[in-house]
């Protein structure tokens, strides 16, 4: 009734690669958030209010 699914080596590698890529992208975004300069932060904060 129940069949055991056996994965090949490359099939177990794909979720690991996906997780690593997601973790790298997440860490890059977090790193950029903490490295933003005060000038860029202020300019970005005022963007919706500027008429330019």
Protein backbone atom coordinates (compact mmCIF):
# COMPACT_ATOMS: atom_id res chain seq x y z
CA UNK A 1 0.00 0.00 0.00
CA UNK A 2 2.64 2.52 1.02
CA UNK A 3 5.68 2.83 -1.18
CA UNK A 4 8.92 4.26 0.11
CA UNK A 5 10.27 7.10 -2.03
CA UNK A 6 14.00 6.90 -2.46
CA UNK A 7 15.72 10.07 -3.58
CA UNK A 8 18.85 10.12 -5.66
CA UNK A 9 21.84 12.15 -4.52
CA UNK A 10 21.18 15.09 -6.85
CA UNK A 11 17.55 15.33 -5.68
CA UNK A 12 18.59 15.85 -2.08
CA UNK A 13 21.11 18.47 -3.17
CA UNK A 14 18.54 20.80 -4.80
CA UNK A 15 16.76 21.86 -1.57
CA UNK A 16 20.12 22.49 0.06
CA UNK A 17 21.23 24.70 -2.83
CA UNK A 18 17.93 26.59 -2.67
CA UNK A 19 18.31 27.15 1.06
CA UNK A 20 21.88 28.38 0.67
CA UNK A 21 20.87 30.83 -2.10
CA UNK A 22 17.97 32.12 0.01
CA UNK A 23 20.22 32.53 3.06
CA UNK A 24 22.85 34.41 1.03
CA UNK A 25 20.23 36.76 -0.44
CA UNK A 26 18.74 37.37 3.01
CA UNK A 27 22.15 38.10 4.54
CA UNK A 28 23.05 40.49 1.70
CA UNK A 29 19.84 42.46 2.27
CA UNK A 30 20.43 42.61 6.04
CA UNK A 31 24.07 43.65 5.48
CA UNK A 32 23.02 46.46 3.11
CA UNK A 33 20.42 47.69 5.60
CA UNK A 34 23.02 48.02 8.33
CA UNK A 35 25.63 49.58 6.01
CA UNK A 36 23.41 52.33 4.56
CA UNK A 37 24.84 55.80 5.11
CA UNK A 38 22.97 58.50 7.02
CA UNK A 39 22.76 60.66 3.87
CA UNK A 40 21.20 57.88 1.82
CA UNK A 41 18.81 57.08 4.64
CA UNK A 42 17.67 60.69 4.89
CA UNK A 43 17.33 61.01 1.10
CA UNK A 44 15.28 57.82 0.95
CA UNK A 45 13.16 58.93 3.87
CA UNK A 46 12.22 62.16 2.04
CA UNK A 47 11.60 60.63 -1.41
CA UNK A 48 7.77 60.49 -1.25
CA UNK A 49 7.64 64.15 -0.19
CA UNK A 50 9.90 65.66 -2.85
CA UNK A 51 8.35 67.26 -5.95
CA UNK A 52 11.35 66.55 -8.22
